[in-house]
């Protein structure tokens, strides 16, 4: 099989900026995460379907979507190799991208087919730099649309729901006579002695928060103690100081920097050096637990973009007793 991924990335590495290149690599990751297939496999299936379609790809796509059990071998092949992996949740990870309603998900599916079509065009225009630039712009637009779709209705940071679930599981735990011991927190085994594979989506989201909380707790608690010692008491109302004073670290030309921003991308390395590279730790956490985090994040870039908000929320709730149950 031709290594389409290598060919495309090699071509783009030479012909486009690093910024655009990184966006394209993230788009490829989104496609691979969505399908649980390699980029080469899914694009190879697309190219085969495109080359063997006498009706034109777009109408043929509609026919294949409406006739998954057709006797036509071409339609059956496309459905099995291409449409089913993109439209259905991965059997290997049933939590994958579960938080979107069906109508929004349909939009993402069609967008991903357009992405495949654009990648195929790039392969066909390898010697035409101006055409490639135009196609790269299309891919960046698709990437923006996908990321925006998932971020607009982002409910991952609604900590009240997480705390509610913790309390619910703690109540269930009291009624359980036997709870298996393991690496996971007890609250995820409280209901019917659940095994990892039997978690539902909400259980999986709790596990995501547990992993992040355990990674960040010591760092954020120590930082909170330090900031309390240095905190300046305001004796009169100051319209320039945000209401969430504890999480904000000071004014900048672009507004107020937050704890999350400063921990991930420290301007004053001397202040945050004792905490090491928080971003590196959290990226490593994602890579080691990618099947868990794909329940809420479509790629590493999506996860990283959400981290400042996650850190700010945990910092604000650093004394919350319910969250400390993650350590029990």
C-alpha atoms as a PDB file:
ATOM      1  CA  UNK A   1       0.000   0.000   0.000  1.00  0.00           C
ATOM      2  CA  UNK A   2       1.202   3.507  -0.820  1.00  0.00           C
ATOM      3  CA  UNK A   3       2.070   5.573   2.255  1.00  0.00           C
ATOM      4  CA  UNK A   4      -0.306   8.472   1.574  1.00  0.00           C
ATOM      5  CA  UNK A   5       0.309  10.028   4.969  1.00  0.00           C
ATOM      6  CA  UNK A   6       4.063  10.215   4.427  1.00  0.00           C
ATOM      7  CA  UNK A   7       3.671  11.567   0.883  1.00  0.00           C
ATOM      8  CA  UNK A   8       1.222  14.298   1.897  1.00  0.00           C
ATOM      9  CA  UNK A   9       3.099  15.405   5.008  1.00  0.00           C
ATOM     10  CA  UNK A  10       6.422  15.403   3.162  1.00  0.00           C
ATOM     11  CA  UNK A  11       4.909  17.518   0.410  1.00  0.00           C
ATOM     12  CA  UNK A  12       3.326  19.974   2.865  1.00  0.00           C
ATOM     13  CA  UNK A  13       6.483  20.192   4.967  1.00  0.00           C
ATOM     14  CA  UNK A  14       8.253  21.620   1.934  1.00  0.00           C
ATOM     15  CA  UNK A  15       5.478  23.816   0.586  1.00  0.00           C
ATOM     16  CA  UNK A  16       3.614  25.343   3.531  1.00  0.00           C
ATOM     17  CA  UNK A  17       4.241  27.066   6.859  1.00  0.00           C
ATOM     18  CA  UNK A  18       4.814  25.211  10.109  1.00  0.00           C
ATOM     19  CA  UNK A  19       1.564  26.619  11.496  1.00  0.00           C
ATOM     20  CA  UNK A  20      -0.492  25.232   8.601  1.00  0.00           C
ATOM     21  CA  UNK A  21       1.450  21.976   8.675  1.00  0.00           C
ATOM     22  CA  UNK A  22       0.597  21.448  12.355  1.00  0.00           C
ATOM     23  CA  UNK A  23      -3.090  22.040  11.662  1.00  0.00           C
ATOM     24  CA  UNK A  24      -3.058  19.441   8.892  1.00  0.00           C
ATOM     25  CA  UNK A  25      -1.374  16.877  11.156  1.00  0.00           C
ATOM     26  CA  UNK A  26      -4.068  17.527  13.760  1.00  0.00           C
ATOM     27  CA  UNK A  27      -6.743  17.015  11.105  1.00  0.00           C
ATOM     28  CA  UNK A  28      -5.176  13.670  10.224  1.00  0.00           C
ATOM     29  CA  UNK A  29      -5.202  12.730  13.913  1.00  0.00           C
ATOM     30  CA  UNK A  30      -8.893  13.629  14.154  1.00  0.00           C
ATOM     31  CA  UNK A  31      -9.634  11.376  11.184  1.00  0.00           C
ATOM     32  CA  UNK A  32      -7.653   8.482  12.661  1.00  0.00           C
ATOM     33  CA  UNK A  33      -9.246   8.913  16.095  1.00  0.00           C
ATOM     34  CA  UNK A  34     -12.701   9.055  14.594  1.00  0.00           C
ATOM     35  CA  UNK A  35     -12.333   5.878  12.539  1.00  0.00           C
ATOM     36  CA  UNK A  36      -9.879   3.824  14.617  1.00  0.00           C
ATOM     37  CA  UNK A  37      -8.118   3.237  11.306  1.00  0.00           C
ATOM     38  CA  UNK A  38      -4.841   4.513   9.960  1.00  0.00           C
ATOM     39  CA  UNK A  39      -4.939   7.506   7.665  1.00  0.00           C
ATOM     40  CA  UNK A  40      -3.492   5.323   4.893  1.00  0.00           C
ATOM     41  CA  UNK A  41      -6.284   2.751   5.241  1.00  0.00           C
ATOM     42  CA  UNK A  42      -9.138   5.243   5.201  1.00  0.00           C
ATOM     43  CA  UNK A  43      -7.736   7.357   2.345  1.00  0.00           C
ATOM     44  CA  UNK A  44      -6.955   4.211   0.337  1.00  0.00           C
ATOM     45  CA  UNK A  45     -10.589   3.144   0.697  1.00  0.00           C
ATOM     46  CA  UNK A  46     -11.747   6.590  -0.390  1.00  0.00           C
ATOM     47  CA  UNK A  47      -9.509   6.591  -3.468  1.00  0.00           C
ATOM     48  CA  UNK A  48     -10.711   3.114  -4.439  1.00  0.00           C
ATOM     49  CA  UNK A  49     -14.328   4.181  -4.096  1.00  0.00           C
ATOM     50  CA  UNK A  50     -13.688   7.351  -6.067  1.00  0.00           C
ATOM     51  CA  UNK A  51     -11.918   5.498  -8.896  1.00  0.00           C
ATOM     52  CA  UNK A  52     -14.575   2.777  -9.109  1.00  0.00           C
ATOM     53  CA  UNK A  53     -17.607   5.029  -9.072  1.00  0.00           C
ATOM     54  CA  UNK A  54     -19.180   5.549 -12.480  1.00  0.00           C
ATOM     55  CA  UNK A  55     -21.924   7.799 -11.070  1.00  0.00           C
ATOM     56  CA  UNK A  56     -19.743  10.461  -9.509  1.00  0.00           C
ATOM     57  CA  UNK A  57     -18.687  10.408  -5.872  1.00  0.00           C
ATOM     58  CA  UNK A  58     -21.288  12.673  -4.303  1.00  0.00           C
ATOM     59  CA  UNK A  59     -24.446  10.927  -5.523  1.00  0.00           C
ATOM     60  CA  UNK A  60     -22.757   7.570  -4.943  1.00  0.00           C
ATOM     61  CA  UNK A  61     -22.128   8.556  -1.324  1.00  0.00           C
ATOM     62  CA  UNK A  62     -25.846   9.230  -0.856  1.00  0.00           C
ATOM     63  CA  UNK A  63     -26.718   5.870  -2.428  1.00  0.00           C
ATOM     64  CA  UNK A  64     -24.254   4.042  -0.191  1.00  0.00           C
ATOM     65  CA  UNK A  65     -25.530   5.806   2.944  1.00  0.00           C
ATOM     66  CA  UNK A  66     -29.105   4.812   2.159  1.00  0.00           C
ATOM     67  CA  UNK A  67     -28.314   1.239   1.072  1.00  0.00           C
ATOM     68  CA  UNK A  68     -25.891  -0.291   3.577  1.00  0.00           C
ATOM     69  CA  UNK A  69     -27.040  -3.839   2.753  1.00  0.00           C
ATOM     70  CA  UNK A  70     -27.023  -3.441  -1.009  1.00  0.00           C
ATOM     71  CA  UNK A  71     -26.098  -6.416  -3.218  1.00  0.00           C
ATOM     72  CA  UNK A  72     -23.835  -4.090  -5.201  1.00  0.00           C
ATOM     73  CA  UNK A  73     -20.300  -5.143  -4.228  1.00  0.00           C
ATOM     74  CA  UNK A  74     -18.967  -1.632  -4.732  1.00  0.00           C
ATOM     75  CA  UNK A  75     -21.541  -0.155  -2.365  1.00  0.00           C
ATOM     76  CA  UNK A  76     -20.939  -2.941   0.151  1.00  0.00           C
ATOM     77  CA  UNK A  77     -17.186  -2.324   0.020  1.00  0.00           C
ATOM     78  CA  UNK A  78     -17.555   1.436   0.483  1.00  0.00           C
ATOM     79  CA  UNK A  79     -19.974   0.998   3.355  1.00  0.00           C
ATOM     80  CA  UNK A  80     -17.765  -1.534   5.145  1.00  0.00           C
ATOM     81  CA  UNK A  81     -14.395   0.130   4.578  1.00  0.00           C
ATOM     82  CA  UNK A  82     -15.283   3.799   4.485  1.00  0.00           C
ATOM     83  CA  UNK A  83     -18.752   4.868   5.581  1.00  0.00           C
ATOM     84  CA  UNK A  84     -19.163   2.588   8.587  1.00  0.00           C
ATOM     85  CA  UNK A  85     -15.836   3.535  10.253  1.00  0.00           C
ATOM     86  CA  UNK A  86     -16.559   7.258   9.837  1.00  0.00           C
ATOM     87  CA  UNK A  87     -20.239   7.253  10.800  1.00  0.00           C
ATOM     88  CA  UNK A  88     -20.206   4.726  13.635  1.00  0.00           C
ATOM     89  CA  UNK A  89     -18.570   4.852  17.038  1.00  0.00           C
ATOM     90  CA  UNK A  90     -15.454   2.726  17.189  1.00  0.00           C
ATOM     91  CA  UNK A  91     -16.034  -0.758  18.602  1.00  0.00           C
ATOM     92  CA  UNK A  92     -12.581  -0.537  20.169  1.00  0.00           C
ATOM     93  CA  UNK A  93     -13.563   2.541  22.133  1.00  0.00           C
ATOM     94  CA  UNK A  94     -17.281   3.023  22.623  1.00  0.00           C
ATOM     95  CA  UNK A  95     -16.741   6.314  24.423  1.00  0.00           C
ATOM     96  CA  UNK A  96     -15.179   7.970  21.409  1.00  0.00           C
ATOM     97  CA  UNK A  97     -16.649  11.396  20.760  1.00  0.00           C
ATOM     98  CA  UNK A  98     -19.919  10.594  22.485  1.00  0.00           C
ATOM     99  CA  UNK A  99     -21.081  14.021  23.556  1.00  0.00           C
ATOM    100  CA  UNK A 100     -22.561  15.317  20.310  1.00  0.00           C
ATOM    101  CA  UNK A 101     -26.189  15.083  19.273  1.00  0.00           C
ATOM    102  CA  UNK A 102     -26.872  13.169  16.082  1.00  0.00           C
ATOM    103  CA  UNK A 103     -27.606  16.167  13.855  1.00  0.00           C
ATOM    104  CA  UNK A 104     -24.250  17.754  14.731  1.00  0.00           C
ATOM    105  CA  UNK A 105     -22.502  14.430  14.254  1.00  0.00           C
ATOM    106  CA  UNK A 106     -23.953  14.116  10.736  1.00  0.00           C
ATOM    107  CA  UNK A 107     -22.347  17.446   9.902  1.00  0.00           C
ATOM    108  CA  UNK A 108     -18.971  16.200  11.138  1.00  0.00           C
ATOM    109  CA  UNK A 109     -19.296  13.034   9.050  1.00  0.00           C
ATOM    110  CA  UNK A 110     -19.892  14.969   5.843  1.00  0.00           C
ATOM    111  CA  UNK A 111     -17.071  17.332   6.722  1.00  0.00           C
ATOM    112  CA  UNK A 112     -14.671  14.393   7.119  1.00  0.00           C
ATOM    113  CA  UNK A 113     -15.650  13.052   3.697  1.00  0.00           C
ATOM    114  CA  UNK A 114     -14.822  16.473   2.267  1.00  0.00           C
ATOM    115  CA  UNK A 115     -11.475  16.306   4.050  1.00  0.00           C
ATOM    116  CA  UNK A 116     -10.706  12.973   2.388  1.00  0.00           C
ATOM    117  CA  UNK A 117     -11.684  14.392  -0.974  1.00  0.00           C
ATOM    118  CA  UNK A 118      -9.316  17.337  -0.461  1.00  0.00           C
ATOM    119  CA  UNK A 119      -6.422  15.092   0.568  1.00  0.00           C
ATOM    120  CA  UNK A 120      -6.997  13.058  -2.587  1.00  0.00           C
ATOM    121  CA  UNK A 121      -6.833  16.236  -4.654  1.00  0.00           C
ATOM    122  CA  UNK A 122      -3.531  17.204  -3.011  1.00  0.00           C
ATOM    123  CA  UNK A 123      -2.047  13.907  -4.172  1.00  0.00           C
ATOM    124  CA  UNK A 124      -3.228  14.669  -7.704  1.00  0.00           C
ATOM    125  CA  UNK A 125      -1.682  18.159  -7.734  1.00  0.00           C
ATOM    126  CA  UNK A 126       1.758  17.443  -6.299  1.00  0.00           C
ATOM    127  CA  UNK A 127       3.563  19.601  -8.855  1.00  0.00           C
ATOM    128  CA  UNK A 128       1.177  22.567  -8.654  1.00  0.00           C
ATOM    129  CA  UNK A 129       2.153  24.595  -5.565  1.00  0.00           C
ATOM    130  CA  UNK A 130      -0.530  27.251  -6.090  1.00  0.00           C
ATOM    131  CA  UNK A 131      -3.233  24.588  -6.257  1.00  0.00           C
ATOM    132  CA  UNK A 132      -1.857  22.891  -3.146  1.00  0.00           C
ATOM    133  CA  UNK A 133      -1.969  26.192  -1.254  1.00  0.00           C
ATOM    134  CA  UNK A 134      -5.623  26.530  -2.191  1.00  0.00           C
ATOM    135  CA  UNK A 135      -6.371  22.995  -1.001  1.00  0.00           C
ATOM    136  CA  UNK A 136      -4.475  23.517   2.264  1.00  0.00           C
ATOM    137  CA  UNK A 137      -6.641  26.571   2.906  1.00  0.00           C
ATOM    138  CA  UNK A 138      -9.735  24.378   2.435  1.00  0.00           C
ATOM    139  CA  UNK A 139      -8.369  21.852   4.936  1.00  0.00           C
ATOM    140  CA  UNK A 140      -7.731  24.577   7.504  1.00  0.00           C
ATOM    141  CA  UNK A 141     -11.324  25.760   7.079  1.00  0.00           C
ATOM    142  CA  UNK A 142     -12.590  22.206   7.607  1.00  0.00           C
ATOM    143  CA  UNK A 143     -10.391  21.879  10.687  1.00  0.00           C
ATOM    144  CA  UNK A 144     -11.751  25.138  12.107  1.00  0.00           C
ATOM    145  CA  UNK A 145     -15.333  23.997  11.493  1.00  0.00           C
ATOM    146  CA  UNK A 146     -14.754  20.668  13.243  1.00  0.00           C
ATOM    147  CA  UNK A 147     -12.952  22.168  16.243  1.00  0.00           C
ATOM    148  CA  UNK A 148     -15.565  24.928  16.567  1.00  0.00           C
ATOM    149  CA  UNK A 149     -18.424  22.437  16.423  1.00  0.00           C
ATOM    150  CA  UNK A 150     -17.025  20.510  19.370  1.00  0.00           C
ATOM    151  CA  UNK A 151     -15.971  23.540  21.398  1.00  0.00           C
ATOM    152  CA  UNK A 152     -19.176  25.586  21.111  1.00  0.00           C
ATOM    153  CA  UNK A 153     -21.186  23.054  23.121  1.00  0.00           C
ATOM    154  CA  UNK A 154     -18.292  22.029  25.339  1.00  0.00           C
ATOM    155  CA  UNK A 155     -19.780  20.786  28.612  1.00  0.00           C
ATOM    156  CA  UNK A 156     -16.689  18.986  29.838  1.00  0.00           C
ATOM    157  CA  UNK A 157     -15.858  21.795  32.271  1.00  0.00           C
ATOM    158  CA  UNK A 158     -19.249  21.779  34.006  1.00  0.00           C
ATOM    159  CA  UNK A 159     -17.775  20.678  37.313  1.00  0.00           C
ATOM    160  CA  UNK A 160     -21.123  20.764  39.122  1.00  0.00           C
ATOM    161  CA  UNK A 161     -22.193  17.710  37.119  1.00  0.00           C
ATOM    162  CA  UNK A 162     -18.980  15.902  38.016  1.00  0.00           C
ATOM    163  CA  UNK A 163     -19.428  16.627  41.721  1.00  0.00           C
ATOM    164  CA  UNK A 164     -23.044  15.440  41.495  1.00  0.00           C
ATOM    165  CA  UNK A 165     -21.872  12.144  39.958  1.00  0.00           C
ATOM    166  CA  UNK A 166     -19.207  11.717  42.620  1.00  0.00           C
ATOM    167  CA  UNK A 167     -21.847  12.074  45.342  1.00  0.00           C
ATOM    168  CA  UNK A 168     -24.110   9.651  43.493  1.00  0.00           C
ATOM    169  CA  UNK A 169     -21.390   7.024  43.237  1.00  0.00           C
ATOM    170  CA  UNK A 170     -20.369   7.482  46.840  1.00  0.00           C
ATOM    171  CA  UNK A 171     -23.960   6.764  47.857  1.00  0.00           C
ATOM    172  CA  UNK A 172     -23.983   3.658  45.665  1.00  0.00           C
ATOM    173  CA  UNK A 173     -20.669   2.556  47.105  1.00  0.00           C
ATOM    174  CA  UNK A 174     -22.166   2.360  50.603  1.00  0.00           C
ATOM    175  CA  UNK A 175     -24.674  -0.190  49.333  1.00  0.00           C
ATOM    176  CA  UNK A 176     -22.065  -2.396  47.661  1.00  0.00           C
ATOM    177  CA  UNK A 177     -20.798  -5.298  49.729  1.00  0.00           C
ATOM    178  CA  UNK A 178     -17.894  -6.120  47.455  1.00  0.00           C
ATOM    179  CA  UNK A 179     -15.834  -3.712  45.433  1.00  0.00           C
ATOM    180  CA  UNK A 180     -12.960  -4.995  43.350  1.00  0.00           C
ATOM    181  CA  UNK A 181      -9.597  -3.446  44.041  1.00  0.00           C
ATOM    182  CA  UNK A 182      -7.602  -2.065  41.146  1.00  0.00           C
ATOM    183  CA  UNK A 183      -5.872   0.937  39.645  1.00  0.00           C
ATOM    184  CA  UNK A 184      -9.169   2.756  39.072  1.00  0.00           C
ATOM    185  CA  UNK A 185     -10.949   4.801  41.712  1.00  0.00           C
ATOM    186  CA  UNK A 186     -13.557   2.880  43.692  1.00  0.00           C
ATOM    187  CA  UNK A 187     -16.368   5.161  42.648  1.00  0.00           C
ATOM    188  CA  UNK A 188     -16.269   3.733  39.111  1.00  0.00           C
ATOM    189  CA  UNK A 189     -16.732   0.188  40.389  1.00  0.00           C
ATOM    190  CA  UNK A 190     -19.546   1.008  42.760  1.00  0.00           C
ATOM    191  CA  UNK A 191     -22.374   0.135  40.434  1.00  0.00           C
ATOM    192  CA  UNK A 192     -22.629  -3.634  39.839  1.00  0.00           C
ATOM    193  CA  UNK A 193     -18.875  -4.016  40.276  1.00  0.00           C
ATOM    194  CA  UNK A 194     -18.318  -2.492  36.876  1.00  0.00           C
ATOM    195  CA  UNK A 195     -15.296  -3.498  34.868  1.00  0.00           C
ATOM    196  CA  UNK A 196     -13.454  -0.988  32.693  1.00  0.00           C
ATOM    197  CA  UNK A 197     -15.169  -2.133  29.491  1.00  0.00           C
ATOM    198  CA  UNK A 198     -18.654  -1.759  30.959  1.00  0.00           C
ATOM    199  CA  UNK A 199     -18.411   1.902  31.935  1.00  0.00           C
ATOM    200  CA  UNK A 200     -20.939   4.183  30.391  1.00  0.00           C
ATOM    201  CA  UNK A 201     -19.997   7.585  29.031  1.00  0.00           C
ATOM    202  CA  UNK A 202     -20.618   9.480  32.273  1.00  0.00           C
ATOM    203  CA  UNK A 203     -18.429   7.041  34.203  1.00  0.00           C
ATOM    204  CA  UNK A 204     -15.666   7.559  31.682  1.00  0.00           C
ATOM    205  CA  UNK A 205     -15.840  11.331  32.093  1.00  0.00           C
ATOM    206  CA  UNK A 206     -15.360  10.931  35.834  1.00  0.00           C
ATOM    207  CA  UNK A 207     -12.260   8.884  35.132  1.00  0.00           C
ATOM    208  CA  UNK A 208     -10.911  11.687  32.920  1.00  0.00           C
ATOM    209  CA  UNK A 209     -11.349  14.189  35.760  1.00  0.00           C
ATOM    210  CA  UNK A 210      -9.729  11.821  38.243  1.00  0.00           C
ATOM    211  CA  UNK A 211      -6.616  11.478  36.083  1.00  0.00           C
ATOM    212  CA  UNK A 212      -6.279  15.233  35.582  1.00  0.00           C
ATOM    213  CA  UNK A 213      -7.037  16.027  39.234  1.00  0.00           C
ATOM    214  CA  UNK A 214      -4.425  13.616  40.568  1.00  0.00           C
ATOM    215  CA  UNK A 215      -1.846  15.030  38.167  1.00  0.00           C
ATOM    216  CA  UNK A 216      -2.535  18.656  39.081  1.00  0.00           C
ATOM    217  CA  UNK A 217      -3.611  18.588  42.719  1.00  0.00           C
ATOM    218  CA  UNK A 218      -0.225  19.018  44.428  1.00  0.00           C
ATOM    219  CA  UNK A 219       0.884  21.693  41.962  1.00  0.00           C
ATOM    220  CA  UNK A 220      -2.326  23.708  42.284  1.00  0.00           C
ATOM    221  CA  UNK A 221      -2.571  23.344  46.054  1.00  0.00           C
ATOM    222  CA  UNK A 222       0.995  24.535  46.608  1.00  0.00           C
ATOM    223  CA  UNK A 223       0.416  27.426  44.224  1.00  0.00           C
ATOM    224  CA  UNK A 224      -2.823  28.327  45.998  1.00  0.00           C
ATOM    225  CA  UNK A 225      -1.056  28.416  49.394  1.00  0.00           C
ATOM    226  CA  UNK A 226       1.693  30.590  47.940  1.00  0.00           C
ATOM    227  CA  UNK A 227      -0.794  32.996  46.373  1.00  0.00           C
ATOM    228  CA  UNK A 228      -2.801  33.302  49.583  1.00  0.00           C
ATOM    229  CA  UNK A 229       0.313  34.445  51.419  1.00  0.00           C
ATOM    230  CA  UNK A 230       1.009  37.080  48.815  1.00  0.00           C
ATOM    231  CA  UNK A 231      -2.555  38.121  48.192  1.00  0.00           C
ATOM    232  CA  UNK A 232      -3.212  41.832  48.514  1.00  0.00           C
ATOM    233  CA  UNK A 233      -6.404  42.592  50.386  1.00  0.00           C
ATOM    234  CA  UNK A 234      -8.630  45.050  48.546  1.00  0.00           C
ATOM    235  CA  UNK A 235     -10.269  47.463  51.009  1.00  0.00           C
ATOM    236  CA  UNK A 236     -12.430  49.152  48.387  1.00  0.00           C
ATOM    237  CA  UNK A 237     -14.236  48.026  45.237  1.00  0.00           C
ATOM    238  CA  UNK A 238     -11.864  47.970  42.281  1.00  0.00           C
ATOM    239  CA  UNK A 239     -13.503  47.647  38.836  1.00  0.00           C
ATOM    240  CA  UNK A 240     -10.166  46.559  37.335  1.00  0.00           C
ATOM    241  CA  UNK A 241      -9.969  43.380  39.409  1.00  0.00           C
ATOM    242  CA  UNK A 242     -12.096  40.422  38.192  1.00  0.00           C
ATOM    243  CA  UNK A 243     -14.608  38.777  40.487  1.00  0.00           C
ATOM    244  CA  UNK A 244     -12.725  35.463  40.304  1.00  0.00           C
ATOM    245  CA  UNK A 245      -9.713  37.145  41.863  1.00  0.00           C
ATOM    246  CA  UNK A 246      -7.934  34.018  43.064  1.00  0.00           C
ATOM    247  CA  UNK A 247      -7.601  32.509  39.605  1.00  0.00           C
ATOM    248  CA  UNK A 248      -6.333  35.669  37.899  1.00  0.00           C
ATOM    249  CA  UNK A 249      -2.632  36.456  38.157  1.00  0.00           C
ATOM    250  CA  UNK A 250      -2.497  40.004  36.809  1.00  0.00           C
ATOM    251  CA  UNK A 251      -3.305  42.378  33.994  1.00  0.00           C
ATOM    252  CA  UNK A 252      -1.752  42.037  30.535  1.00  0.00           C
ATOM    253  CA  UNK A 253      -2.141  43.915  27.277  1.00  0.00           C
ATOM    254  CA  UNK A 254      -4.653  41.267  26.222  1.00  0.00           C
ATOM    255  CA  UNK A 255      -6.646  41.205  29.437  1.00  0.00           C
ATOM    256  CA  UNK A 256      -6.168  39.114  32.573  1.00  0.00           C
ATOM    257  CA  UNK A 257      -3.840  36.141  32.470  1.00  0.00           C
ATOM    258  CA  UNK A 258      -5.043  33.119  34.436  1.00  0.00           C
ATOM    259  CA  UNK A 259      -3.419  30.417  36.496  1.00  0.00           C
ATOM    260  CA  UNK A 260      -4.007  27.941  33.666  1.00  0.00           C
ATOM    261  CA  UNK A 261      -2.304  30.167  31.104  1.00  0.00           C
ATOM    262  CA  UNK A 262       0.674  30.825  33.340  1.00  0.00           C
ATOM    263  CA  UNK A 263       1.227  27.235  34.417  1.00  0.00           C
ATOM    264  CA  UNK A 264       1.079  25.938  30.843  1.00  0.00           C
ATOM    265  CA  UNK A 265       2.954  28.800  29.190  1.00  0.00           C
ATOM    266  CA  UNK A 266       4.907  30.583  31.958  1.00  0.00           C
ATOM    267  CA  UNK A 267       6.235  34.041  31.204  1.00  0.00           C
ATOM    268  CA  UNK A 268       8.249  34.145  34.415  1.00  0.00           C
ATOM    269  CA  UNK A 269       9.937  30.745  34.478  1.00  0.00           C
ATOM    270  CA  UNK A 270      11.577  31.496  37.835  1.00  0.00           C
ATOM    271  CA  UNK A 271       8.184  31.574  39.560  1.00  0.00           C
ATOM    272  CA  UNK A 272       6.828  28.409  37.981  1.00  0.00           C
ATOM    273  CA  UNK A 273      10.046  26.418  37.644  1.00  0.00           C
ATOM    274  CA  UNK A 274       9.410  24.440  40.875  1.00  0.00           C
ATOM    275  CA  UNK A 275       6.304  22.955  39.246  1.00  0.00           C
ATOM    276  CA  UNK A 276       8.179  21.600  36.232  1.00  0.00           C
ATOM    277  CA  UNK A 277       6.575  21.440  32.818  1.00  0.00           C
ATOM    278  CA  UNK A 278       2.886  21.119  33.620  1.00  0.00           C
ATOM    279  CA  UNK A 279       2.013  21.041  29.919  1.00  0.00           C
ATOM    280  CA  UNK A 280       4.470  18.197  29.327  1.00  0.00           C
ATOM    281  CA  UNK A 281       2.956  16.184  32.194  1.00  0.00           C
ATOM    282  CA  UNK A 282      -0.588  16.701  30.926  1.00  0.00           C
ATOM    283  CA  UNK A 283       0.320  15.851  27.336  1.00  0.00           C
ATOM    284  CA  UNK A 284       2.012  12.687  28.567  1.00  0.00           C
ATOM    285  CA  UNK A 285      -1.126  11.887  30.586  1.00  0.00           C
ATOM    286  CA  UNK A 286      -3.226  12.193  27.423  1.00  0.00           C
ATOM    287  CA  UNK A 287      -0.918   9.989  25.373  1.00  0.00           C
ATOM    288  CA  UNK A 288      -0.856   7.262  28.012  1.00  0.00           C
ATOM    289  CA  UNK A 289      -4.654   7.327  28.400  1.00  0.00           C
ATOM    290  CA  UNK A 290      -5.735   8.318  24.890  1.00  0.00           C
ATOM    291  CA  UNK A 291      -8.643   5.868  24.744  1.00  0.00           C
ATOM    292  CA  UNK A 292     -10.095   7.467  27.877  1.00  0.00           C
ATOM    293  CA  UNK A 293      -9.646  11.078  26.789  1.00  0.00           C
ATOM    294  CA  UNK A 294     -11.081  10.480  23.321  1.00  0.00           C
ATOM    295  CA  UNK A 295     -14.456  10.346  25.013  1.00  0.00           C
ATOM    296  CA  UNK A 296     -14.390  14.143  25.208  1.00  0.00           C
ATOM    297  CA  UNK A 297     -11.529  15.359  23.040  1.00  0.00           C
ATOM    298  CA  UNK A 298     -11.178  14.764  19.319  1.00  0.00           C
ATOM    299  CA  UNK A 299      -7.414  15.243  19.243  1.00  0.00           C
ATOM    300  CA  UNK A 300      -4.406  16.224  21.329  1.00  0.00           C
ATOM    301  CA  UNK A 301      -4.724  19.812  20.089  1.00  0.00           C
ATOM    302  CA  UNK A 302      -8.356  19.958  21.219  1.00  0.00           C
ATOM    303  CA  UNK A 303      -7.299  18.669  24.650  1.00  0.00           C
ATOM    304  CA  UNK A 304      -4.451  21.189  24.971  1.00  0.00           C
ATOM    305  CA  UNK A 305      -6.721  24.086  23.981  1.00  0.00           C
ATOM    306  CA  UNK A 306      -9.123  23.114  26.796  1.00  0.00           C
ATOM    307  CA  UNK A 307      -6.455  22.739  29.502  1.00  0.00           C
ATOM    308  CA  UNK A 308      -6.288  26.399  30.651  1.00  0.00           C
ATOM    309  CA  UNK A 309      -9.982  26.325  31.518  1.00  0.00           C
ATOM    310  CA  UNK A 310      -9.657  22.942  33.240  1.00  0.00           C
ATOM    311  CA  UNK A 311      -6.751  24.176  35.361  1.00  0.00           C
ATOM    312  CA  UNK A 312      -8.565  27.389  36.326  1.00  0.00           C
ATOM    313  CA  UNK A 313     -11.633  25.426  37.422  1.00  0.00           C
ATOM    314  CA  UNK A 314      -9.607  22.971  39.513  1.00  0.00           C
ATOM    315  CA  UNK A 315      -7.652  25.835  41.058  1.00  0.00           C
ATOM    316  CA  UNK A 316     -10.865  27.581  42.073  1.00  0.00           C
ATOM    317  CA  UNK A 317     -12.089  24.310  43.600  1.00  0.00           C
ATOM    318  CA  UNK A 318      -8.814  23.240  45.182  1.00  0.00           C
ATOM    319  CA  UNK A 319     -10.427  23.024  48.652  1.00  0.00           C
ATOM    320  CA  UNK A 320     -13.493  21.126  47.440  1.00  0.00           C
ATOM    321  CA  UNK A 321     -13.877  18.054  49.652  1.00  0.00           C
ATOM    322  CA  UNK A 322     -15.864  16.100  47.064  1.00  0.00           C
ATOM    323  CA  UNK A 323     -12.995  16.198  44.571  1.00  0.00           C
ATOM    324  CA  UNK A 324     -10.619  14.889  47.208  1.00  0.00           C
ATOM    325  CA  UNK A 325     -12.562  11.650  47.079  1.00  0.00           C
ATOM    326  CA  UNK A 326     -10.581  10.886  43.920  1.00  0.00           C
ATOM    327  CA  UNK A 327      -7.682  10.013  46.238  1.00  0.00           C
ATOM    328  CA  UNK A 328      -9.610   7.568  48.404  1.00  0.00           C
END
